[in-house]
Amino acid sequence: MSYKKRHLTDKRKLCPRCGSPLMASGSYLRCSLCGFAKPLEGEGGRVAIKYTEVVEAKKKGEIKLFQVTSSGITSATSLESDGVYLITQPAKDTIWLWKGSKARPKTVYDAGTAATRLKTSEKIYSAQLKRVEEGEEPSDFPDVSGTSPISEEMIAEAKEATEVLSLERPSEGKANIYMVDKGDLKQIDKPVFTTGDSYLVDGGSQIWVWIGKNSSVDEKFSAAHLSTVIDVSRRGEPKITTIDQGSETHEFRTILGGLKIVEKDVAETLLKHVEKPVYEPVLYRISSEEFETINDIIYTQVPCTKDSLDSEDVFLLDDRTNNKTYIWIGSGATVKERVVGGQIARKFEVERAGAQDEIFVDEGQEPAEFKAILGMTD
C-alpha cells in the first residue's frame, strides 16, 4: 500500500518535473525538492511570479557535488579517479561534468542524462554543461575540496518530503521495503520483486536501491532520487548502495530473508494475498553459488518448462492449486543444495500455514504430475 498522511491525501499530487509529492503551501502546491510551484484551484495567473522567485533564490546557492551511478546520482564529498561527477555552480549558472581517468565510458553517457535532470532538481534551468577530464581542469573550475553536500536547507526540505511520504526509520536490524511507482514509494510487506521495477530497501543506516534488469530510466532515476532524499533527511548518515539485478550481496540478501524475483502477475498474487480457486504453477531456480544460509536465498522465477531445469542446480516447483511443493534436485547438485532444499520446502510450508505437501524429486525420477506441469515426455 502507499502510505500518506491523512490530512494531505486529498491535496497531494506529484510534481510534473521530478515526480516528488506536491504539498499545499499558502495558495500554492509546491515541490519541496525541485521548487516547482503551481496555484491551487481558483488561484490562477500567479505561477510565473512564484517560479521566478524560486529560480532567483536558487541561483545564489552553494556549490554541490554529486556522483553519477548506474541508477542516477548520489551526494559526494570528493572526486575519485574511478568515478564521474556533476558539480553544480548556481552563481555561474553552470554544471560541471568531471570524468575521472579510470571512469567507465557508459557512466559518462549516463551523466549527460543525469545533468539534464539535475538542472530541474537544483532549479538552475538555464545552466550550461561543461565537460572536464581529470588533470585538465580549467582555472575557473570550482574548488570542491571542502564541499559539504548537505546544507540545513536541504535537510529541512528532505525531512518535509519524507514526512509527506510517511517514511519512518526502521528499527535496528529491520528494513522497510518500497517499490518505486511513478516517482512515489509504495511500501510492500514481502521481498517480492519484479524485473521491470526498481525498489528501495531502507535499513536505517544502510539504504539499498535494487534495479530490475527491465526497469525504465525514469524508475532508476526516481529510485536514486528518493534514496538521496532519505539520506539527506538523516544528515547523510546512511550509506547508499545501488544493486543491479543479479549482483545481490550477501548482506542485502540476508536482510531481506529470502528474495523472490517473479513476473508481475505472480508478484501481485503474493503481495495482495489474493485467494484464487486456481493458481498457475511457478518454477523457481536456486543455485548454491548464490547463498550461504536459508535466510539469504534468492528465488528466481523461470519459465515453467522442462528446458529451464539444469542438472547443476536445485529448483522449486510451487503447485499452489494442489497444495504441493516439489523440490527438484539436479544430478550435479551439491550436498549443501540437497540439505538446503529441505529447509526451503519447510519455509514455503510455513508461509502457506502448513498446507503444502513437500515432494523431493531427483533428476530422472520425476513423478507423472511433475512431468505434466513442465511438459516432460517419457
Protein backbone atom coordinates (compact mmCIF):
# COMPACT_ATOMS: atom_id res chain seq x y z
CA MET A 1 0.00 0.00 0.00
CA SER A 2 1.03 3.60 -0.39
CA TYR A 3 1.41 5.43 2.89
CA LYS A 4 0.16 9.02 3.07
CA LYS A 5 -0.67 11.48 5.80
CA ARG A 6 -4.41 11.53 6.13
CA HIS A 7 -4.81 15.27 6.17
CA LEU A 8 -2.76 15.56 2.97
CA THR A 9 -4.45 12.79 0.99
CA ASP A 10 -6.84 14.96 -0.99
CA LYS A 11 -4.33 17.70 -1.75
CA ARG A 12 -1.36 15.52 -2.62
CA LYS A 13 -0.21 15.36 -6.24
CA LEU A 14 3.06 14.53 -7.95
CA CYS A 15 5.45 17.15 -9.29
CA PRO A 16 5.44 17.09 -13.12
CA ARG A 17 9.16 17.91 -13.12
CA CYS A 18 10.75 15.43 -10.69
CA GLY A 19 7.88 13.19 -9.60
CA SER A 20 8.09 14.11 -5.91
CA PRO A 21 4.95 14.92 -3.87
CA LEU A 22 3.48 18.42 -4.12
CA MET A 23 2.38 19.98 -0.83
CA ALA A 24 -0.04 22.80 -0.16
CA SER A 25 1.82 25.94 0.90
CA GLY A 26 -0.34 29.02 1.16
CA SER A 27 -2.14 29.41 -2.14
CA TYR A 28 0.29 27.10 -3.97
CA LEU A 29 1.07 23.43 -4.43
CA ARG A 30 4.85 23.27 -4.10
CA CYS A 31 7.53 20.61 -4.61
CA SER A 32 9.98 20.85 -1.72
CA LEU A 33 12.76 19.22 -3.76
CA CYS A 34 12.86 20.90 -7.16
CA GLY A 35 10.91 24.07 -6.33
CA PHE A 36 8.14 23.65 -8.89
CA ALA A 37 5.01 25.53 -7.81
CA LYS A 38 1.53 25.97 -9.17
CA PRO A 39 -1.51 27.76 -7.74
CA LEU A 40 -4.30 25.92 -6.01
CA GLU A 41 -7.65 25.84 -7.76
CA GLY A 42 -9.07 29.32 -8.00
CA GLU A 43 -5.62 30.92 -7.68
CA GLY A 44 -4.69 31.15 -11.38
CA GLY A 45 -2.36 33.62 -13.03
CA ARG A 46 0.40 33.58 -10.41
CA VAL A 47 2.70 30.74 -11.41
CA ALA A 48 5.19 32.86 -13.35
CA ILE A 49 5.79 35.18 -10.39
CA LYS A 50 6.26 32.33 -7.93
CA TYR A 51 8.50 30.39 -10.30
CA THR A 52 10.76 33.41 -10.87
CA GLU A 53 11.17 33.91 -7.13
CA VAL A 54 12.28 30.31 -6.70
CA VAL A 55 14.79 30.43 -9.55
CA GLU A 56 16.36 33.69 -8.42
CA ALA A 57 16.73 32.42 -4.89
CA LYS A 58 18.35 29.22 -6.09
CA LYS A 59 20.97 30.97 -8.20
CA LYS A 60 22.57 32.26 -5.03
CA GLY A 61 23.01 28.68 -3.76
CA GLU A 62 26.21 26.88 -2.86
CA ILE A 63 28.35 24.52 -4.91
CA LYS A 64 27.24 20.89 -4.65
CA LEU A 65 28.94 17.67 -5.68
CA PHE A 66 27.15 14.56 -6.97
CA GLN A 67 28.48 11.21 -8.13
CA VAL A 68 26.88 9.59 -11.17
CA THR A 69 25.79 5.95 -10.73
CA SER A 70 24.04 3.45 -12.98
CA SER A 71 20.69 4.43 -11.46
CA GLY A 72 21.10 8.20 -11.08
CA ILE A 73 23.13 10.42 -8.76
CA THR A 74 24.15 10.46 -5.11
CA SER A 75 25.71 13.14 -2.92
CA ALA A 76 29.51 13.04 -2.72
CA THR A 77 32.30 14.75 -0.78
CA SER A 78 35.33 14.26 -3.04
CA LEU A 79 36.40 13.46 -6.59
CA GLU A 80 37.77 9.95 -7.25
CA SER A 81 39.56 8.76 -10.40
CA ASP A 82 37.21 5.82 -10.99
CA GLY A 83 34.08 7.98 -10.94
CA VAL A 84 32.11 10.56 -12.91
CA TYR A 85 30.78 13.60 -11.04
CA LEU A 86 28.47 16.55 -11.55
CA ILE A 87 29.26 19.82 -9.79
CA THR A 88 26.54 22.46 -9.65
CA GLN A 89 27.68 26.10 -9.54
CA PRO A 90 24.48 28.21 -9.42
CA ALA A 91 26.31 31.53 -9.13
CA LYS A 92 27.81 30.95 -12.60
CA ASP A 93 24.77 29.13 -13.99
CA THR A 94 26.99 26.11 -14.68
CA ILE A 95 27.01 22.35 -14.17
CA TRP A 96 30.43 20.73 -14.50
CA LEU A 97 30.76 17.14 -15.70
CA TRP A 98 34.04 15.79 -14.33
CA LYS A 99 35.35 12.46 -15.67
CA GLY A 100 37.95 10.54 -13.68
CA SER A 101 40.86 8.92 -15.54
CA LYS A 102 39.58 5.42 -14.67
CA ALA A 103 35.87 6.08 -15.19
CA ARG A 104 33.73 3.83 -17.37
CA PRO A 105 32.56 5.34 -20.71
CA LYS A 106 28.96 4.26 -20.04
CA THR A 107 28.91 6.28 -16.82
CA VAL A 108 29.91 9.37 -18.80
CA TYR A 109 26.97 8.75 -21.12
CA ASP A 110 24.63 8.38 -18.12
CA ALA A 111 25.98 11.64 -16.71
CA GLY A 112 24.54 13.62 -19.62
CA THR A 113 21.02 12.45 -18.81
CA ALA A 114 21.59 12.98 -15.09
CA ALA A 115 22.80 16.54 -15.70
CA THR A 116 19.59 17.40 -17.56
CA ARG A 117 17.52 16.17 -14.62
CA LEU A 118 19.82 17.94 -12.17
CA LYS A 119 19.01 21.29 -13.79
CA THR A 120 15.43 20.77 -12.68
CA SER A 121 16.05 19.38 -9.20
CA GLU A 122 18.59 22.14 -8.43
CA LYS A 123 16.45 24.83 -10.10
CA ILE A 124 19.20 26.06 -12.44
CA TYR A 125 17.20 25.54 -15.60
CA SER A 126 19.43 27.57 -17.94
CA ALA A 127 22.72 26.15 -16.65
CA GLN A 128 25.48 25.44 -19.16
CA LEU A 129 27.05 21.96 -19.06
CA LYS A 130 30.87 21.97 -19.13
CA ARG A 131 32.82 18.72 -19.53
CA VAL A 132 36.20 18.28 -17.85
CA GLU A 133 38.73 15.43 -17.84
CA GLU A 134 40.76 14.64 -14.72
CA GLY A 135 44.01 16.60 -14.80
CA GLU A 136 42.72 19.11 -17.37
CA GLU A 137 40.63 21.31 -15.05
CA PRO A 138 40.49 24.97 -16.23
CA SER A 139 41.34 27.88 -13.94
CA ASP A 140 37.68 28.61 -13.20
CA PHE A 141 36.93 25.03 -12.14
CA PRO A 142 35.31 25.19 -8.68
CA ASP A 143 37.17 24.06 -5.56
CA VAL A 144 35.23 21.09 -4.18
CA SER A 145 37.77 20.02 -1.55
CA GLY A 146 35.71 21.47 1.26
CA THR A 147 32.32 21.00 -0.29
CA SER A 148 29.60 19.89 2.07
CA PRO A 149 26.88 18.16 0.04
CA ILE A 150 24.24 18.71 2.69
CA SER A 151 23.04 22.09 3.91
CA GLU A 152 20.50 22.80 6.64
CA GLU A 153 18.07 23.97 3.95
CA MET A 154 18.44 20.65 2.12
CA ILE A 155 17.90 18.72 5.35
CA ALA A 156 14.74 20.67 6.15
CA GLU A 157 13.33 20.15 2.64
CA ALA A 158 14.17 16.44 2.67
CA LYS A 159 12.55 15.93 6.08
CA GLU A 160 9.45 17.69 4.80
CA ALA A 161 9.30 15.34 1.82
CA THR A 162 9.79 12.19 3.93
CA GLU A 163 7.00 13.34 6.25
CA VAL A 164 4.63 13.67 3.30
CA LEU A 165 5.56 10.16 2.17
CA SER A 166 5.34 8.90 5.77
CA LEU A 167 8.77 7.28 5.53
CA GLU A 168 9.70 6.13 9.02
CA ARG A 169 13.14 4.90 10.02
CA PRO A 170 13.08 1.13 10.63
CA SER A 171 14.03 -0.41 13.95
CA GLU A 172 17.54 -1.82 14.42
CA GLY A 173 18.17 -4.93 12.32
CA LYS A 174 14.96 -4.45 10.33
CA ALA A 175 14.25 -2.94 6.91
CA ASN A 176 11.37 -1.21 5.18
CA ILE A 177 10.84 -2.27 1.57
CA TYR A 178 9.41 0.09 -1.04
CA MET A 179 8.57 -0.25 -4.72
CA VAL A 180 9.16 2.81 -6.89
CA ASP A 181 5.92 3.72 -8.65
CA LYS A 182 5.67 6.87 -10.79
CA GLY A 183 8.05 8.85 -8.59
CA ASP A 184 6.37 7.64 -5.41
CA LEU A 185 7.28 4.94 -2.89
CA LYS A 186 4.80 2.18 -2.08
CA GLN A 187 5.66 0.06 0.92
CA ILE A 188 5.38 -3.70 0.47
CA ASP A 189 5.36 -6.30 3.24
CA LYS A 190 7.34 -9.05 1.50
CA PRO A 191 10.59 -9.12 -0.52
CA VAL A 192 8.85 -9.92 -3.80
CA PHE A 193 10.47 -8.03 -6.70
CA THR A 194 9.83 -7.95 -10.45
CA THR A 195 12.40 -7.50 -13.21
CA GLY A 196 10.58 -4.46 -14.62
CA ASP A 197 10.66 -2.37 -11.44
CA SER A 198 13.05 -0.66 -9.04
CA TYR A 199 12.96 -1.00 -5.26
CA LEU A 200 14.33 0.79 -2.24
CA VAL A 201 15.28 -1.17 0.88
CA ASP A 202 15.71 1.13 3.89
CA GLY A 203 17.83 -0.45 6.61
CA GLY A 204 18.23 2.76 8.62
CA SER A 205 21.99 3.28 8.40
CA GLN A 206 22.13 1.49 5.04
CA ILE A 207 19.90 2.06 2.01
CA TRP A 208 19.90 -0.30 -0.95
CA VAL A 209 18.50 0.59 -4.37
CA TRP A 210 17.67 -2.56 -6.35
CA ILE A 211 17.32 -2.11 -10.11
CA GLY A 212 15.43 -4.74 -12.12
CA LYS A 213 17.02 -5.64 -15.46
CA ASN A 214 13.97 -4.28 -17.31
CA SER A 215 13.47 -1.20 -15.14
CA SER A 216 12.86 2.06 -17.03
CA VAL A 217 15.24 5.03 -16.98
CA ASP A 218 12.65 7.12 -15.13
CA GLU A 219 12.27 4.48 -12.42
CA LYS A 220 16.03 4.21 -11.99
CA PHE A 221 16.32 7.97 -11.57
CA SER A 222 13.38 8.13 -9.17
CA ALA A 223 14.89 5.34 -7.05
CA ALA A 224 18.22 7.17 -6.82
CA HIS A 225 16.50 10.49 -6.18
CA LEU A 226 14.26 9.16 -3.40
CA SER A 227 17.11 7.30 -1.70
CA THR A 228 19.07 10.56 -1.66
CA VAL A 229 16.07 12.35 -0.11
CA ILE A 230 16.06 9.84 2.76
CA ASP A 231 19.84 10.09 3.08
CA VAL A 232 19.75 13.89 3.28
CA SER A 233 16.87 13.86 5.79
CA ARG A 234 19.18 11.83 8.07
CA ARG A 235 22.09 14.23 7.55
CA GLY A 236 23.97 11.89 5.24
CA GLU A 237 24.29 9.12 7.81
CA PRO A 238 23.04 6.19 5.65
CA LYS A 239 25.28 4.57 3.08
CA ILE A 240 23.53 4.19 -0.28
CA THR A 241 24.33 1.11 -2.36
CA THR A 242 22.91 0.53 -5.84
CA ILE A 243 22.45 -3.12 -6.79
CA ASP A 244 21.66 -4.31 -10.29
CA GLN A 245 19.61 -7.49 -10.60
CA GLY A 246 21.95 -10.47 -10.48
CA SER A 247 24.57 -8.68 -8.34
CA GLU A 248 22.89 -9.00 -4.93
CA THR A 249 25.33 -9.03 -1.99
CA HIS A 250 25.17 -11.40 0.99
CA GLU A 251 24.26 -8.52 3.31
CA PHE A 252 21.42 -7.42 1.03
CA ARG A 253 20.04 -10.94 0.66
CA THR A 254 20.24 -11.59 4.39
CA ILE A 255 18.31 -8.52 5.49
CA LEU A 256 15.52 -9.46 3.06
CA GLY A 257 15.37 -13.02 4.36
CA GLY A 258 14.51 -14.69 1.06
CA LEU A 259 14.10 -12.56 -2.06
CA LYS A 260 11.69 -13.73 -4.76
CA ILE A 261 12.15 -12.32 -8.28
CA VAL A 262 8.97 -13.05 -10.21
CA GLU A 263 6.70 -11.91 -13.01
CA LYS A 264 4.32 -9.04 -12.27
CA ASP A 265 1.15 -11.16 -12.09
CA VAL A 266 2.78 -13.55 -9.60
CA ALA A 267 4.01 -10.60 -7.51
CA GLU A 268 0.50 -9.17 -7.29
CA THR A 269 -0.83 -12.50 -6.03
CA LEU A 270 1.91 -12.88 -3.41
CA LEU A 271 1.73 -9.29 -2.16
CA LYS A 272 -2.02 -8.75 -2.17
CA HIS A 273 -2.77 -12.11 -0.52
CA VAL A 274 -5.44 -12.79 -3.13
CA GLU A 275 -7.14 -16.14 -2.72
CA LYS A 276 -7.94 -17.77 -6.06
CA PRO A 277 -9.53 -21.11 -6.94
CA VAL A 278 -6.73 -21.87 -9.40
CA TYR A 279 -3.09 -20.71 -9.44
CA GLU A 280 -0.65 -21.16 -12.26
CA PRO A 281 2.35 -23.28 -11.12
CA VAL A 282 5.54 -21.26 -10.57
CA LEU A 283 9.06 -22.63 -11.06
CA TYR A 284 11.97 -21.08 -9.12
CA ARG A 285 15.70 -21.62 -9.66
CA ILE A 286 18.05 -21.81 -6.67
CA SER A 287 21.84 -22.05 -7.04
CA SER A 288 24.42 -22.97 -4.39
CA GLU A 289 26.64 -20.16 -5.66
CA GLU A 290 24.11 -17.55 -4.58
CA PHE A 291 23.51 -18.24 -0.89
CA GLU A 292 25.23 -19.12 2.36
CA THR A 293 22.21 -19.78 4.59
CA ILE A 294 18.46 -20.32 4.21
CA ASN A 295 17.91 -16.63 5.02
CA ASP A 296 19.85 -15.17 2.09
CA ILE A 297 18.49 -17.28 -0.75
CA ILE A 298 17.17 -15.70 -3.93
CA TYR A 299 14.26 -17.45 -5.63
CA THR A 300 14.27 -16.51 -9.31
CA GLN A 301 11.19 -17.33 -11.36
CA VAL A 302 12.00 -19.11 -14.62
CA PRO A 303 9.70 -20.38 -17.39
CA CYS A 304 7.67 -23.34 -16.15
CA THR A 305 9.03 -25.77 -18.72
CA LYS A 306 11.44 -28.72 -18.76
CA ASP A 307 14.01 -26.59 -20.62
CA SER A 308 14.52 -24.44 -17.51
CA LEU A 309 15.87 -27.36 -15.45
CA ASP A 310 19.65 -27.52 -15.02
CA SER A 311 21.48 -30.52 -13.56
CA GLU A 312 23.81 -28.25 -11.57
CA ASP A 313 21.02 -26.57 -9.61
CA VAL A 314 18.04 -27.11 -7.37
CA PHE A 315 14.58 -25.97 -8.49
CA LEU A 316 11.35 -25.45 -6.57
CA LEU A 317 8.03 -26.02 -8.31
CA ASP A 318 5.19 -24.33 -6.44
CA ASP A 319 1.91 -26.04 -7.38
CA ARG A 320 -0.24 -23.94 -5.08
CA THR A 321 -3.59 -25.07 -6.52
CA ASN A 322 -2.92 -28.66 -5.44
CA ASN A 323 -1.04 -27.67 -2.25
CA LYS A 324 2.20 -29.31 -3.39
CA THR A 325 5.78 -28.10 -3.39
CA TYR A 326 8.27 -30.07 -5.48
CA ILE A 327 11.99 -29.75 -4.76
CA TRP A 328 13.81 -30.95 -7.89
CA ILE A 329 17.46 -31.82 -7.26
CA GLY A 330 19.76 -31.94 -10.27
CA SER A 331 22.23 -34.81 -10.61
CA GLY A 332 25.13 -32.37 -10.25
CA ALA A 333 23.73 -30.54 -7.20
CA THR A 334 25.95 -30.33 -4.12
CA VAL A 335 25.25 -31.87 -0.72
CA LYS A 336 24.68 -28.36 0.58
CA GLU A 337 21.98 -27.76 -2.02
CA ARG A 338 20.25 -31.02 -1.08
CA VAL A 339 20.21 -30.09 2.61
CA VAL A 340 19.02 -26.56 1.97
CA GLY A 341 16.35 -27.90 -0.39
CA GLY A 342 14.54 -29.38 2.60
CA GLN A 343 14.83 -26.13 4.56
CA ILE A 344 13.40 -24.21 1.62
CA ALA A 345 10.41 -26.53 1.42
CA ARG A 346 9.70 -26.09 5.12
CA LYS A 347 9.92 -22.32 4.74
CA PHE A 348 7.32 -22.39 1.97
CA GLU A 349 5.15 -24.61 4.16
CA VAL A 350 5.23 -22.03 6.96
CA GLU A 351 4.21 -19.28 4.52
CA ARG A 352 1.19 -21.36 3.47
CA ALA A 353 0.12 -22.20 7.04
CA GLY A 354 1.36 -25.78 6.73
CA ALA A 355 -0.94 -26.69 3.84
CA GLN A 356 1.74 -27.77 1.37
CA ASP A 357 2.93 -31.33 0.73
CA GLU A 358 6.72 -31.47 0.25
CA ILE A 359 7.83 -33.78 -2.56
CA PHE A 360 11.55 -34.29 -3.21
CA VAL A 361 12.43 -35.24 -6.77
CA ASP A 362 15.81 -36.48 -8.00
CA GLU A 363 16.67 -35.81 -11.63
CA GLY A 364 15.47 -38.72 -13.75
CA GLN A 365 12.87 -39.86 -11.21
CA GLU A 366 10.19 -37.25 -11.80
CA PRO A 367 6.60 -38.29 -10.94
CA ALA A 368 3.86 -38.10 -13.57
CA GLU A 369 2.20 -34.96 -12.15
CA PHE A 370 5.56 -33.13 -12.11
CA LYS A 371 6.20 -34.11 -15.73
CA ALA A 372 2.72 -32.97 -16.73
CA ILE A 373 3.23 -29.49 -15.30
CA LEU A 374 6.59 -28.99 -17.03
CA GLY A 375 5.59 -30.68 -20.28
CA MET A 376 8.06 -33.54 -19.92
CA THR A 377 7.52 -36.65 -22.04
CA ASP A 378 8.76 -40.16 -21.38
